[in-house]
PDB file of N, CA and C in Angstrom:
ATOM      1  N   MET A   1      -1.584  55.560 194.055  1.00  0.00           N
ATOM      2  CA  MET A   1      -3.013  55.556 194.192  1.00  0.00           C
ATOM      3  C   MET A   1      -3.466  54.117 194.375  1.00  0.00           C
ATOM      4  N   ALA A   2      -4.279  53.896 195.395  1.00  0.00           N
ATOM      5  CA  ALA A   2      -4.778  52.553 195.681  1.00  0.00           C
ATOM      6  C   ALA A   2      -6.127  52.363 195.009  1.00  0.00           C
ATOM      7  N   THR A   3      -6.362  51.172 194.510  1.00  0.00           N
ATOM      8  CA  THR A   3      -7.651  50.850 193.909  1.00  0.00           C
ATOM      9  C   THR A   3      -8.227  49.624 194.607  1.00  0.00           C
ATOM     10  N   THR A   4      -9.511  49.542 194.601  1.00  0.00           N
ATOM     11  CA  THR A   4     -10.196  48.405 195.206  1.00  0.00           C
ATOM     12  C   THR A   4     -11.143  47.825 194.183  1.00  0.00           C
ATOM     13  N   THR A   5     -11.189  46.524 194.128  1.00  0.00           N
ATOM     14  CA  THR A   5     -12.121  45.852 193.246  1.00  0.00           C
ATOM     15  C   THR A   5     -13.275  45.320 194.079  1.00  0.00           C
ATOM     16  N   LEU A   6     -14.470  45.700 193.714  1.00  0.00           N
ATOM     17  CA  LEU A   6     -15.654  45.227 194.415  1.00  0.00           C
ATOM     18  C   LEU A   6     -16.210  44.013 193.704  1.00  0.00           C
ATOM     19  N   THR A   7     -16.570  43.039 194.468  1.00  0.00           N
ATOM     20  CA  THR A   7     -17.169  41.834 193.914  1.00  0.00           C
ATOM     21  C   THR A   7     -18.677  41.932 194.075  1.00  0.00           C
ATOM     22  N   VAL A   8     -19.391  41.744 192.999  1.00  0.00           N
ATOM     23  CA  VAL A   8     -20.848  41.788 193.040  1.00  0.00           C
ATOM     24  C   VAL A   8     -21.347  40.363 193.229  1.00  0.00           C
ATOM     25  N   VAL A   9     -22.129  40.180 194.270  1.00  0.00           N
ATOM     26  CA  VAL A   9     -22.681  38.859 194.559  1.00  0.00           C
ATOM     27  C   VAL A   9     -24.173  38.914 194.296  1.00  0.00           C
ATOM     28  N   SER A  10     -24.652  38.053 193.427  1.00  0.00           N
ATOM     29  CA  SER A  10     -26.084  37.977 193.145  1.00  0.00           C
ATOM     30  C   SER A  10     -26.734  37.047 194.162  1.00  0.00           C
ATOM     31  N   LEU A  11     -27.844  37.499 194.704  1.00  0.00           N
ATOM     32  CA  LEU A  11     -28.572  36.678 195.653  1.00  0.00           C
ATOM     33  C   LEU A  11     -29.508  35.744 194.908  1.00  0.00           C
ATOM     34  N   PRO A  12     -29.692  34.539 195.441  1.00  0.00           N
ATOM     35  CA  PRO A  12     -30.671  33.643 194.821  1.00  0.00           C
ATOM     36  C   PRO A  12     -32.065  34.269 194.865  1.00  0.00           C
ATOM     37  N   ALA A  13     -32.909  33.898 193.948  1.00  0.00           N
ATOM     38  CA  ALA A  13     -34.247  34.476 193.860  1.00  0.00           C
ATOM     39  C   ALA A  13     -35.035  34.300 195.155  1.00  0.00           C
ATOM     40  N   SER A  14     -34.783  33.218 195.884  1.00  0.00           N
ATOM     41  CA  SER A  14     -35.555  32.945 197.091  1.00  0.00           C
ATOM     42  C   SER A  14     -35.259  33.936 198.220  1.00  0.00           C
ATOM     43  N   THR A  15     -34.158  34.678 198.155  1.00  0.00           N
ATOM     44  CA  THR A  15     -33.840  35.617 199.223  1.00  0.00           C
ATOM     45  C   THR A  15     -34.361  37.021 198.941  1.00  0.00           C
ATOM     46  N   HIS A  16     -34.880  37.253 197.762  1.00  0.00           N
ATOM     47  CA  HIS A  16     -35.460  38.559 197.457  1.00  0.00           C
ATOM     48  C   HIS A  16     -36.829  38.651 198.112  1.00  0.00           C
ATOM     49  N   PRO A  17     -37.174  39.826 198.612  1.00  0.00           N
ATOM     50  CA  PRO A  17     -38.480  39.952 199.260  1.00  0.00           C
ATOM     51  C   PRO A  17     -39.615  39.701 198.280  1.00  0.00           C
ATOM     52  N   GLY A  18     -40.649  39.068 198.761  1.00  0.00           N
ATOM     53  CA  GLY A  18     -41.811  38.787 197.938  1.00  0.00           C
ATOM     54  C   GLY A  18     -42.770  39.953 197.950  1.00  0.00           C
ATOM     55  N   PRO A  19     -43.965  39.726 197.454  1.00  0.00           N
ATOM     56  CA  PRO A  19     -44.949  40.803 197.455  1.00  0.00           C
ATOM     57  C   PRO A  19     -45.294  41.199 198.893  1.00  0.00           C
ATOM     58  N   SER A  20     -45.629  42.465 199.074  1.00  0.00           N
ATOM     59  CA  SER A  20     -45.924  42.931 200.425  1.00  0.00           C
ATOM     60  C   SER A  20     -47.238  42.327 200.912  1.00  0.00           C
ATOM     61  N   ASP A  21     -47.341  42.168 202.203  1.00  0.00           N
ATOM     62  CA  ASP A  21     -48.539  41.641 202.839  1.00  0.00           C
ATOM     63  C   ASP A  21     -49.096  42.727 203.743  1.00  0.00           C
ATOM     64  N   ALA A  22     -49.779  43.691 203.145  1.00  0.00           N
ATOM     65  CA  ALA A  22     -50.291  44.829 203.909  1.00  0.00           C
ATOM     66  C   ALA A  22     -51.256  44.377 204.995  1.00  0.00           C
ATOM     67  N   ALA A  23     -52.120  43.427 204.682  1.00  0.00           N
ATOM     68  CA  ALA A  23     -53.081  42.948 205.675  1.00  0.00           C
ATOM     69  C   ALA A  23     -52.363  42.291 206.844  1.00  0.00           C
ATOM     70  N   GLY A  24     -51.393  41.445 206.556  1.00  0.00           N
ATOM     71  CA  GLY A  24     -50.634  40.780 207.612  1.00  0.00           C
ATOM     72  C   GLY A  24     -49.848  41.766 208.454  1.00  0.00           C
ATOM     73  N   ASP A  25     -49.284  42.778 207.805  1.00  0.00           N
ATOM     74  CA  ASP A  25     -48.527  43.803 208.544  1.00  0.00           C
ATOM     75  C   ASP A  25     -49.441  44.586 209.488  1.00  0.00           C
ATOM     76  N   LEU A  26     -50.628  44.948 209.015  1.00  0.00           N
ATOM     77  CA  LEU A  26     -51.580  45.683 209.865  1.00  0.00           C
ATOM     78  C   LEU A  26     -52.021  44.842 211.055  1.00  0.00           C
ATOM     79  N   LEU A  27     -52.291  43.560 210.807  1.00  0.00           N
ATOM     80  CA  LEU A  27     -52.710  42.688 211.902  1.00  0.00           C
ATOM     81  C   LEU A  27     -51.591  42.475 212.913  1.00  0.00           C
ATOM     82  N   ALA A  28     -50.352  42.410 212.440  1.00  0.00           N
ATOM     83  CA  ALA A  28     -49.222  42.257 213.359  1.00  0.00           C
ATOM     84  C   ALA A  28     -49.098  43.459 214.286  1.00  0.00           C
ATOM     85  N   VAL A  29     -49.304  44.657 213.756  1.00  0.00           N
ATOM     86  CA  VAL A  29     -49.253  45.858 214.590  1.00  0.00           C
ATOM     87  C   VAL A  29     -50.460  45.890 215.529  1.00  0.00           C
ATOM     88  N   ALA A  30     -51.636  45.538 215.018  1.00  0.00           N
ATOM     89  CA  ALA A  30     -52.861  45.598 215.817  1.00  0.00           C
ATOM     90  C   ALA A  30     -52.812  44.650 217.009  1.00  0.00           C
ATOM     91  N   TRP A  31     -52.244  43.473 216.806  1.00  0.00           N
ATOM     92  CA  TRP A  31     -52.207  42.455 217.863  1.00  0.00           C
ATOM     93  C   TRP A  31     -50.816  42.314 218.472  1.00  0.00           C
ATOM     94  N   ALA A  32     -50.033  43.388 218.478  1.00  0.00           N
ATOM     95  CA  ALA A  32     -48.682  43.341 219.052  1.00  0.00           C
ATOM     96  C   ALA A  32     -48.755  42.950 220.528  1.00  0.00           C
ATOM     97  N   PRO A  33     -47.849  42.075 220.956  1.00  0.00           N
ATOM     98  CA  PRO A  33     -47.843  41.657 222.359  1.00  0.00           C
ATOM     99  C   PRO A  33     -47.669  42.855 223.295  1.00  0.00           C
ATOM    100  N   GLY A  34     -48.375  42.818 224.414  1.00  0.00           N
ATOM    101  CA  GLY A  34     -48.249  43.871 225.406  1.00  0.00           C
ATOM    102  C   GLY A  34     -49.095  45.102 225.148  1.00  0.00           C
ATOM    103  N   THR A  35     -49.923  45.071 224.111  1.00  0.00           N
ATOM    104  CA  THR A  35     -50.778  46.227 223.807  1.00  0.00           C
ATOM    105  C   THR A  35     -52.234  45.861 224.046  1.00  0.00           C
ATOM    106  N   ALA A  36     -53.062  46.867 224.233  1.00  0.00           N
ATOM    107  CA  ALA A  36     -54.498  46.646 224.401  1.00  0.00           C
ATOM    108  C   ALA A  36     -55.072  46.098 223.096  1.00  0.00           C
ATOM    109  N   PRO A  37     -56.156  45.347 223.169  1.00  0.00           N
ATOM    110  CA  PRO A  37     -56.758  44.813 221.946  1.00  0.00           C
ATOM    111  C   PRO A  37     -57.200  45.929 221.006  1.00  0.00           C
ATOM    112  N   PRO A  38     -57.161  45.685 219.708  1.00  0.00           N
ATOM    113  CA  PRO A  38     -57.603  46.710 218.765  1.00  0.00           C
ATOM    114  C   PRO A  38     -59.124  46.845 218.774  1.00  0.00           C
ATOM    115  N   ARG A  39     -59.601  48.081 218.721  1.00  0.00           N
ATOM    116  CA  ARG A  39     -61.034  48.370 218.600  1.00  0.00           C
ATOM    117  C   ARG A  39     -61.397  48.483 217.124  1.00  0.00           C
ATOM    118  N   GLU A  40     -60.500  49.148 216.360  1.00  0.00           N
ATOM    119  CA  GLU A  40     -60.666  49.293 214.921  1.00  0.00           C
ATOM    120  C   GLU A  40     -59.332  49.739 214.335  1.00  0.00           C
ATOM    121  N   ILE A  41     -59.201  49.575 213.022  1.00  0.00           N
ATOM    122  CA  ILE A  41     -58.020  50.050 212.313  1.00  0.00           C
ATOM    123  C   ILE A  41     -58.489  51.075 211.301  1.00  0.00           C
ATOM    124  N   ALA A  42     -57.997  52.304 211.435  1.00  0.00           N
ATOM    125  CA  ALA A  42     -58.304  53.364 210.478  1.00  0.00           C
ATOM    126  C   ALA A  42     -57.195  53.395 209.431  1.00  0.00           C
ATOM    127  N   VAL A  43     -57.576  53.460 208.161  1.00  0.00           N
ATOM    128  CA  VAL A  43     -56.593  53.459 207.066  1.00  0.00           C
ATOM    129  C   VAL A  43     -56.914  54.577 206.083  1.00  0.00           C
ATOM    130  N   ARG A  44     -55.885  55.057 205.419  1.00  0.00           N
ATOM    131  CA  ARG A  44     -56.071  56.041 204.347  1.00  0.00           C
ATOM    132  C   ARG A  44     -56.721  55.347 203.142  1.00  0.00           C
ATOM    133  N   PRO A  45     -57.419  56.098 202.288  1.00  0.00           N
ATOM    134  CA  PRO A  45     -58.094  55.492 201.135  1.00  0.00           C
ATOM    135  C   PRO A  45     -57.161  54.679 200.231  1.00  0.00           C
ATOM    136  N   GLU A  46     -55.935  55.173 199.998  1.00  0.00           N
ATOM    137  CA  GLU A  46     -55.035  54.426 199.104  1.00  0.00           C
ATOM    138  C   GLU A  46     -54.584  53.106 199.720  1.00  0.00           C
ATOM    139  N   LEU A  47     -54.441  53.053 201.039  1.00  0.00           N
ATOM    140  CA  LEU A  47     -54.093  51.795 201.702  1.00  0.00           C
ATOM    141  C   LEU A  47     -55.282  50.845 201.660  1.00  0.00           C
ATOM    142  N   TYR A  48     -56.470  51.386 201.808  1.00  0.00           N
ATOM    143  CA  TYR A  48     -57.675  50.567 201.700  1.00  0.00           C
ATOM    144  C   TYR A  48     -57.770  49.926 200.313  1.00  0.00           C
ATOM    145  N   GLU A  49     -57.441  50.691 199.277  1.00  0.00           N
ATOM    146  CA  GLU A  49     -57.447  50.145 197.909  1.00  0.00           C
ATOM    147  C   GLU A  49     -56.431  49.009 197.768  1.00  0.00           C
ATOM    148  N   ARG A  50     -55.238  49.185 198.378  1.00  0.00           N
ATOM    149  CA  ARG A  50     -54.229  48.114 198.346  1.00  0.00           C
ATOM    150  C   ARG A  50     -54.728  46.864 199.051  1.00  0.00           C
ATOM    151  N   LEU A  51     -55.416  47.051 200.175  1.00  0.00           N
ATOM    152  CA  LEU A  51     -55.965  45.904 200.899  1.00  0.00           C
ATOM    153  C   LEU A  51     -57.010  45.187 200.055  1.00  0.00           C
ATOM    154  N   CYS A  52     -57.882  45.953 199.399  1.00  0.00           N
ATOM    155  CA  CYS A  52     -58.900  45.361 198.526  1.00  0.00           C
ATOM    156  C   CYS A  52     -58.246  44.549 197.411  1.00  0.00           C
ATOM    157  N   ALA A  53     -57.212  45.110 196.805  1.00  0.00           N
ATOM    158  CA  ALA A  53     -56.512  44.412 195.720  1.00  0.00           C
ATOM    159  C   ALA A  53     -55.824  43.153 196.240  1.00  0.00           C
ATOM    160  N   GLN A  54     -55.179  43.263 197.398  1.00  0.00           N
ATOM    161  CA  GLN A  54     -54.462  42.111 197.965  1.00  0.00           C
ATOM    162  C   GLN A  54     -55.428  40.981 198.308  1.00  0.00           C
ATOM    163  N   LEU A  55     -56.589  41.339 198.857  1.00  0.00           N
ATOM    164  CA  LEU A  55     -57.548  40.336 199.288  1.00  0.00           C
ATOM    165  C   LEU A  55     -58.502  39.914 198.178  1.00  0.00           C
ATOM    166  N   GLY A  56     -58.362  40.532 196.980  1.00  0.00           N
ATOM    167  CA  GLY A  56     -59.191  40.159 195.844  1.00  0.00           C
ATOM    168  C   GLY A  56     -60.639  40.585 195.992  1.00  0.00           C
ATOM    169  N   ARG A  57     -60.866  41.695 196.674  1.00  0.00           N
ATOM    170  CA  ARG A  57     -62.231  42.183 196.894  1.00  0.00           C
ATOM    171  C   ARG A  57     -62.403  43.540 196.229  1.00  0.00           C
ATOM    172  N   HIS A  58     -62.400  43.553 194.940  1.00  0.00           N
ATOM    173  CA  HIS A  58     -62.552  44.813 194.198  1.00  0.00           C
ATOM    174  C   HIS A  58     -64.015  45.238 194.232  1.00  0.00           C
ATOM    175  N   GLY A  59     -64.240  46.499 194.480  1.00  0.00           N
ATOM    176  CA  GLY A  59     -65.607  47.016 194.522  1.00  0.00           C
ATOM    177  C   GLY A  59     -66.223  46.921 195.900  1.00  0.00           C
ATOM    178  N   THR A  60     -66.194  45.742 196.487  1.00  0.00           N
ATOM    179  CA  THR A  60     -66.725  45.570 197.840  1.00  0.00           C
ATOM    180  C   THR A  60     -65.567  45.207 198.749  1.00  0.00           C
ATOM    181  N   GLY A  61     -64.943  46.206 199.298  1.00  0.00           N
ATOM    182  CA  GLY A  61     -63.766  46.002 200.133  1.00  0.00           C
ATOM    183  C   GLY A  61     -64.104  45.364 201.463  1.00  0.00           C
ATOM    184  N   PRO A  62     -63.072  44.951 202.170  1.00  0.00           N
ATOM    185  CA  PRO A  62     -63.296  44.300 203.463  1.00  0.00           C
ATOM    186  C   PRO A  62     -63.784  45.311 204.501  1.00  0.00           C
ATOM    187  N   ARG A  63     -64.729  44.896 205.299  1.00  0.00           N
ATOM    188  CA  ARG A  63     -65.207  45.737 206.394  1.00  0.00           C
ATOM    189  C   ARG A  63     -64.474  45.385 207.678  1.00  0.00           C
ATOM    190  N   SER A  64     -63.799  44.240 207.669  1.00  0.00           N
ATOM    191  CA  SER A  64     -62.991  43.846 208.807  1.00  0.00           C
ATOM    192  C   SER A  64     -61.781  43.080 208.294  1.00  0.00           C
ATOM    193  N   LEU A  65     -60.793  42.953 209.144  1.00  0.00           N
ATOM    194  CA  LEU A  65     -59.532  42.338 208.766  1.00  0.00           C
ATOM    195  C   LEU A  65     -59.168  41.287 209.800  1.00  0.00           C
ATOM    196  N   GLY A  66     -58.857  40.084 209.338  1.00  0.00           N
ATOM    197  CA  GLY A  66     -58.464  39.015 210.236  1.00  0.00           C
ATOM    198  C   GLY A  66     -59.583  38.027 210.491  1.00  0.00           C
ATOM    199  N   GLU A  67     -59.222  36.949 211.128  1.00  0.00           N
ATOM    200  CA  GLU A  67     -60.176  35.877 211.422  1.00  0.00           C
ATOM    201  C   GLU A  67     -60.126  35.556 212.902  1.00  0.00           C
ATOM    202  N   PRO A  68     -61.137  35.024 213.509  1.00  0.00           N
ATOM    203  CA  PRO A  68     -62.437  34.722 212.904  1.00  0.00           C
ATOM    204  C   PRO A  68     -63.354  35.932 212.858  1.00  0.00           C
ATOM    205  N   ALA A  69     -63.375  36.766 213.909  1.00  0.00           N
ATOM    206  CA  ALA A  69     -64.300  37.905 213.931  1.00  0.00           C
ATOM    207  C   ALA A  69     -63.758  39.093 213.165  1.00  0.00           C
ATOM    208  N   GLY A  70     -62.475  39.306 213.209  1.00  0.00           N
ATOM    209  CA  GLY A  70     -61.863  40.418 212.491  1.00  0.00           C
ATOM    210  C   GLY A  70     -61.892  41.724 213.266  1.00  0.00           C
ATOM    211  N   VAL A  71     -61.038  42.625 212.840  1.00  0.00           N
ATOM    212  CA  VAL A  71     -60.955  43.965 213.410  1.00  0.00           C
ATOM    213  C   VAL A  71     -61.602  44.904 212.398  1.00  0.00           C
ATOM    214  N   PRO A  72     -62.583  45.708 212.821  1.00  0.00           N
ATOM    215  CA  PRO A  72     -63.247  46.615 211.874  1.00  0.00           C
ATOM    216  C   PRO A  72     -62.264  47.581 211.210  1.00  0.00           C
ATOM    217  N   LEU A  73     -62.463  47.814 209.909  1.00  0.00           N
ATOM    218  CA  LEU A  73     -61.667  48.775 209.142  1.00  0.00           C
ATOM    219  C   LEU A  73     -62.492  50.033 208.906  1.00  0.00           C
ATOM    220  N   VAL A  74     -61.854  51.180 209.068  1.00  0.00           N
ATOM    221  CA  VAL A  74     -62.494  52.471 208.838  1.00  0.00           C
ATOM    222  C   VAL A  74     -61.593  53.263 207.902  1.00  0.00           C
ATOM    223  N   VAL A  75     -62.154  53.809 206.831  1.00  0.00           N
ATOM    224  CA  VAL A  75     -61.386  54.644 205.905  1.00  0.00           C
ATOM    225  C   VAL A  75     -61.403  56.073 206.433  1.00  0.00           C
ATOM    226  N   ASP A  76     -60.209  56.635 206.626  1.00  0.00           N
ATOM    227  CA  ASP A  76     -60.090  57.988 207.175  1.00  0.00           C
ATOM    228  C   ASP A  76     -59.049  58.767 206.367  1.00  0.00           C
ATOM    229  N   PRO A  77     -59.488  59.612 205.424  1.00  0.00           N
ATOM    230  CA  PRO A  77     -58.544  60.361 204.592  1.00  0.00           C
ATOM    231  C   PRO A  77     -57.767  61.433 205.360  1.00  0.00           C
ATOM    232  N   ARG A  78     -58.157  61.719 206.598  1.00  0.00           N
ATOM    233  CA  ARG A  78     -57.457  62.734 207.393  1.00  0.00           C
ATOM    234  C   ARG A  78     -56.170  62.211 208.030  1.00  0.00           C
ATOM    235  N   LEU A  79     -55.944  60.911 207.969  1.00  0.00           N
ATOM    236  CA  LEU A  79     -54.713  60.351 208.544  1.00  0.00           C
ATOM    237  C   LEU A  79     -53.504  60.829 207.749  1.00  0.00           C
ATOM    238  N   PRO A  80     -52.346  60.946 208.404  1.00  0.00           N
ATOM    239  CA  PRO A  80     -51.146  61.343 207.672  1.00  0.00           C
ATOM    240  C   PRO A  80     -50.752  60.269 206.650  1.00  0.00           C
ATOM    241  N   ALA A  81     -50.065  60.683 205.607  1.00  0.00           N
ATOM    242  CA  ALA A  81     -49.659  59.759 204.545  1.00  0.00           C
ATOM    243  C   ALA A  81     -48.742  58.652 205.055  1.00  0.00           C
ATOM    244  N   SER A  82     -47.964  58.959 206.052  1.00  0.00           N
ATOM    245  CA  SER A  82     -47.072  57.940 206.613  1.00  0.00           C
ATOM    246  C   SER A  82     -47.336  57.833 208.099  1.00  0.00           C
ATOM    247  N   PRO A  83     -47.679  56.686 208.611  1.00  0.00           N
ATOM    248  CA  PRO A  83     -47.692  55.380 207.982  1.00  0.00           C
ATOM    249  C   PRO A  83     -48.973  55.072 207.204  1.00  0.00           C
ATOM    250  N   GLY A  84     -49.997  55.919 207.293  1.00  0.00           N
ATOM    251  CA  GLY A  84     -51.213  55.684 206.520  1.00  0.00           C
ATOM    252  C   GLY A  84     -52.269  54.883 207.251  1.00  0.00           C
ATOM    253  N   PHE A  85     -52.015  54.557 208.515  1.00  0.00           N
ATOM    254  CA  PHE A  85     -53.006  53.821 209.297  1.00  0.00           C
ATOM    255  C   PHE A  85     -52.855  54.181 210.768  1.00  0.00           C
ATOM    256  N   GLU A  86     -53.884  53.825 211.529  1.00  0.00           N
ATOM    257  CA  GLU A  86     -53.864  54.047 212.976  1.00  0.00           C
ATOM    258  C   GLU A  86     -54.665  52.931 213.622  1.00  0.00           C
ATOM    259  N   VAL A  87     -54.064  52.282 214.594  1.00  0.00           N
ATOM    260  CA  VAL A  87     -54.773  51.251 215.348  1.00  0.00           C
ATOM    261  C   VAL A  87     -55.420  51.948 216.537  1.00  0.00           C
ATOM    262  N   ARG A  88     -56.718  51.912 216.580  1.00  0.00           N
ATOM    263  CA  ARG A  88     -57.457  52.497 217.699  1.00  0.00           C
ATOM    264  C   ARG A  88     -57.796  51.362 218.650  1.00  0.00           C
ATOM    265  N   ARG A  89     -57.319  51.507 219.879  1.00  0.00           N
ATOM    266  CA  ARG A  89     -57.384  50.407 220.839  1.00  0.00           C
ATOM    267  C   ARG A  89     -58.493  50.587 221.867  1.00  0.00           C
ATOM    268  N   VAL A  90     -58.874  49.465 222.465  1.00  0.00           N
ATOM    269  CA  VAL A  90     -59.849  49.460 223.550  1.00  0.00           C
ATOM    270  C   VAL A  90     -59.216  50.148 224.742  1.00  0.00           C
ATOM    271  N   ARG A  91     -59.950  51.070 225.358  1.00  0.00           N
ATOM    272  CA  ARG A  91     -59.426  51.763 226.528  1.00  0.00           C
ATOM    273  C   ARG A  91     -59.304  50.787 227.695  1.00  0.00           C
ATOM    274  N   PRO A  92     -58.294  50.962 228.525  1.00  0.00           N
ATOM    275  CA  PRO A  92     -58.145  50.079 229.691  1.00  0.00           C
ATOM    276  C   PRO A  92     -59.386  50.139 230.583  1.00  0.00           C
ATOM    277  N   GLY A  93     -59.803  48.985 231.067  1.00  0.00           N
ATOM    278  CA  GLY A  93     -60.954  48.920 231.954  1.00  0.00           C
ATOM    279  C   GLY A  93     -62.288  48.901 231.254  1.00  0.00           C
ATOM    280  N   VAL A  94     -62.307  49.018 229.926  1.00  0.00           N
ATOM    281  CA  VAL A  94     -63.553  48.999 229.167  1.00  0.00           C
ATOM    282  C   VAL A  94     -63.678  47.644 228.497  1.00  0.00           C
ATOM    283  N   ARG A  95     -64.800  46.998 228.723  1.00  0.00           N
ATOM    284  CA  ARG A  95     -65.003  45.703 228.089  1.00  0.00           C
ATOM    285  C   ARG A  95     -65.426  45.909 226.643  1.00  0.00           C
ATOM    286  N   ARG A  96     -64.955  45.070 225.806  1.00  0.00           N
ATOM    287  CA  ARG A  96     -65.300  45.162 224.391  1.00  0.00           C
ATOM    288  C   ARG A  96     -66.726  44.719 224.180  1.00  0.00           C
ATOM    289  N   TRP A  97     -67.465  45.462 223.338  1.00  0.00           N
ATOM    290  CA  TRP A  97     -68.848  45.123 223.057  1.00  0.00           C
ATOM    291  C   TRP A  97     -68.925  43.792 222.373  1.00  0.00           C
ATOM    292  N   SER A  98     -69.894  42.980 222.733  1.00  0.00           N
ATOM    293  CA  SER A  98     -70.091  41.673 222.115  1.00  0.00           C
ATOM    294  C   SER A  98     -71.516  41.589 221.602  1.00  0.00           C
ATOM    295  N   GLY A  99     -71.668  41.292 220.339  1.00  0.00           N
ATOM    296  CA  GLY A  99     -72.995  41.142 219.742  1.00  0.00           C
ATOM    297  C   GLY A  99     -73.773  40.022 220.373  1.00  0.00           C
ATOM    298  N   ALA A 100     -73.087  38.978 220.842  1.00  0.00           N
ATOM    299  CA  ALA A 100     -73.770  37.842 221.481  1.00  0.00           C
ATOM    300  C   ALA A 100     -74.401  38.275 222.796  1.00  0.00           C
ATOM    301  N   ALA A 101     -73.779  39.206 223.513  1.00  0.00           N
ATOM    302  CA  ALA A 101     -74.305  39.660 224.792  1.00  0.00           C
ATOM    303  C   ALA A 101     -75.596  40.454 224.606  1.00  0.00           C
ATOM    304  N   ALA A 102     -75.737  41.104 223.458  1.00  0.00           N
ATOM    305  CA  ALA A 102     -76.911  41.926 223.200  1.00  0.00           C
ATOM    306  C   ALA A 102     -78.108  41.100 222.770  1.00  0.00           C
ATOM    307  N   ALA A 103     -77.867  39.868 222.314  1.00  0.00           N
ATOM    308  CA  ALA A 103     -78.946  39.019 221.806  1.00  0.00           C
ATOM    309  C   ALA A 103     -79.705  38.322 222.906  1.00  0.00           C
TER     310      ALA A 103
END
């Protein structure tokens, strides 16, 4: 009978993943290269709560995500649990509304 000895290697603390960056992950998907610009990001209520906690905005959550103008956030409990969000994009050929143009 053959036996094998496994060596356990501990990774340094710096290689362990840090806290999740839900806001950064959403923005990375929203602004992915080769895709239409985001019109809004719809998120499930529990993801919205995580975003509020991450951004330190308890009670008054973010209405938009990112800088400088941000992408509007919409809470939609009808979204599936996984992934829990949906990037709604500007349709091709449609110009994005600008508040400055209306003034």
